[in-house]
Amino acid sequence: MALTPEISFEEFMDKLAMKFDRSAKGIGLKFQDEDGGKVTLADESDFELAIETARTCSKGGAEGKLEIWCSDRL
């Protein structure tokens, strides 16, 4: 899914909910940080960290890549 850095966490969650045809509250998220650890993505500050990680990993390029793991939240 292509995103712009200006998207909010709420908008991102809405897009995921539509893509997976489920409630955003039922989706658990994690992303890989710069050190290779998986970090829970639960709110706007986590989302900003994820976007910043993608920028850092792009090494000055116009586009960054961010892998996000989705799971059912129980």
C-alpha atoms as a PDB file:
ATOM      1  CA  MET A   1       0.000   0.000   0.000  1.00  0.00           C
ATOM      2  CA  ALA A   2       1.477   3.345  -0.988  1.00  0.00           C
ATOM      3  CA  LEU A   3       1.210   6.149   1.566  1.00  0.00           C
ATOM      4  CA  THR A   4       2.327   9.734   1.848  1.00  0.00           C
ATOM      5  CA  PRO A   5       4.079  10.894   5.024  1.00  0.00           C
ATOM      6  CA  GLU A   6       1.270  13.378   5.650  1.00  0.00           C
ATOM      7  CA  ILE A   7      -1.313  10.653   6.334  1.00  0.00           C
ATOM      8  CA  SER A   8      -2.474  10.405   9.929  1.00  0.00           C
ATOM      9  CA  PHE A   9      -2.537   7.207  11.950  1.00  0.00           C
ATOM     10  CA  GLU A  10      -6.343   7.302  11.962  1.00  0.00           C
ATOM     11  CA  GLU A  11      -6.473   7.569   8.154  1.00  0.00           C
ATOM     12  CA  PHE A  12      -3.936   4.736   7.865  1.00  0.00           C
ATOM     13  CA  MET A  13      -6.049   2.521  10.128  1.00  0.00           C
ATOM     14  CA  ASP A  14      -9.160   3.343   8.096  1.00  0.00           C
ATOM     15  CA  LYS A  15      -7.350   2.259   4.904  1.00  0.00           C
ATOM     16  CA  LEU A  16      -6.255  -1.001   6.545  1.00  0.00           C
ATOM     17  CA  ALA A  17      -9.760  -1.690   7.820  1.00  0.00           C
ATOM     18  CA  MET A  18     -11.158  -1.228   4.310  1.00  0.00           C
ATOM     19  CA  LYS A  19      -8.403  -3.347   2.751  1.00  0.00           C
ATOM     20  CA  PHE A  20      -8.956  -6.253   5.140  1.00  0.00           C
ATOM     21  CA  ASP A  21     -12.717  -5.714   5.468  1.00  0.00           C
ATOM     22  CA  ARG A  22     -12.682  -5.589   9.251  1.00  0.00           C
ATOM     23  CA  SER A  23     -12.797  -3.149  12.138  1.00  0.00           C
ATOM     24  CA  ALA A  24      -9.612  -1.180  12.750  1.00  0.00           C
ATOM     25  CA  LYS A  25      -9.896  -2.163  16.431  1.00  0.00           C
ATOM     26  CA  GLY A  26      -9.425  -5.806  15.423  1.00  0.00           C
ATOM     27  CA  ILE A  27      -6.064  -5.244  13.695  1.00  0.00           C
ATOM     28  CA  GLY A  28      -2.765  -5.477  15.585  1.00  0.00           C
ATOM     29  CA  LEU A  29       0.299  -3.877  13.960  1.00  0.00           C
ATOM     30  CA  LYS A  30       4.071  -4.046  14.316  1.00  0.00           C
ATOM     31  CA  PHE A  31       6.908  -2.550  12.292  1.00  0.00           C
ATOM     32  CA  GLN A  32      10.634  -3.162  12.216  1.00  0.00           C
ATOM     33  CA  ASP A  33      12.756  -0.358  13.684  1.00  0.00           C
ATOM     34  CA  GLU A  34      16.271   0.632  12.637  1.00  0.00           C
ATOM     35  CA  ASP A  35      17.787  -1.924  15.033  1.00  0.00           C
ATOM     36  CA  GLY A  36      15.735  -4.784  13.603  1.00  0.00           C
ATOM     37  CA  GLY A  37      13.342  -5.052  16.550  1.00  0.00           C
ATOM     38  CA  LYS A  38       9.591  -5.288  16.050  1.00  0.00           C
ATOM     39  CA  VAL A  39       7.737  -2.340  17.573  1.00  0.00           C
ATOM     40  CA  THR A  40       4.000  -2.218  18.274  1.00  0.00           C
ATOM     41  CA  LEU A  41       2.205   0.382  16.183  1.00  0.00           C
ATOM     42  CA  ALA A  42      -0.695   1.584  18.335  1.00  0.00           C
ATOM     43  CA  ASP A  43      -1.020   5.358  18.070  1.00  0.00           C
ATOM     44  CA  GLU A  44       0.021   8.540  16.270  1.00  0.00           C
ATOM     45  CA  SER A  45       3.432   8.767  17.960  1.00  0.00           C
ATOM     46  CA  ASP A  46       4.255   5.151  17.022  1.00  0.00           C
ATOM     47  CA  PHE A  47       3.129   5.903  13.467  1.00  0.00           C
ATOM     48  CA  GLU A  48       5.366   8.993  13.290  1.00  0.00           C
ATOM     49  CA  LEU A  49       8.298   6.847  14.467  1.00  0.00           C
ATOM     50  CA  ALA A  50       7.500   4.308  11.738  1.00  0.00           C
ATOM     51  CA  ILE A  51       7.430   7.035   9.064  1.00  0.00           C
ATOM     52  CA  GLU A  52      10.716   8.453  10.357  1.00  0.00           C
ATOM     53  CA  THR A  53      12.240   4.954  10.243  1.00  0.00           C
ATOM     54  CA  ALA A  54      11.195   4.650   6.578  1.00  0.00           C
ATOM     55  CA  ARG A  55      12.819   8.033   5.849  1.00  0.00           C
ATOM     56  CA  THR A  56      16.045   7.018   7.561  1.00  0.00           C
ATOM     57  CA  CYS A  57      16.167   3.695   5.724  1.00  0.00           C
ATOM     58  CA  SER A  58      15.680   5.434   2.358  1.00  0.00           C
ATOM     59  CA  LYS A  59      19.117   7.073   2.844  1.00  0.00           C
ATOM     60  CA  GLY A  60      18.044  10.376   1.338  1.00  0.00           C
ATOM     61  CA  GLY A  61      15.867   8.881  -1.395  1.00  0.00           C
ATOM     62  CA  ALA A  62      12.478  10.312  -2.248  1.00  0.00           C
ATOM     63  CA  GLU A  63      10.673   7.126  -1.222  1.00  0.00           C
ATOM     64  CA  GLY A  64      11.134   4.861   1.749  1.00  0.00           C
ATOM     65  CA  LYS A  65       9.915   1.363   2.435  1.00  0.00           C
ATOM     66  CA  LEU A  66       8.265   0.318   5.643  1.00  0.00           C
ATOM     67  CA  GLU A  67       7.153  -3.237   6.321  1.00  0.00           C
ATOM     68  CA  ILE A  68       4.224  -3.539   8.690  1.00  0.00           C
ATOM     69  CA  TRP A  69       3.011  -6.850  10.094  1.00  0.00           C
ATOM     70  CA  CYS A  70      -0.728  -7.143  10.651  1.00  0.00           C
ATOM     71  CA  SER A  71      -2.416  -9.649  12.933  1.00  0.00           C
ATOM     72  CA  ASP A  72      -5.800 -10.274  14.478  1.00  0.00           C
ATOM     73  CA  ARG A  73      -6.044  -8.465  17.777  1.00  0.00           C
ATOM     74  CA  LEU A  74      -7.707 -10.674  20.365  1.00  0.00           C
END
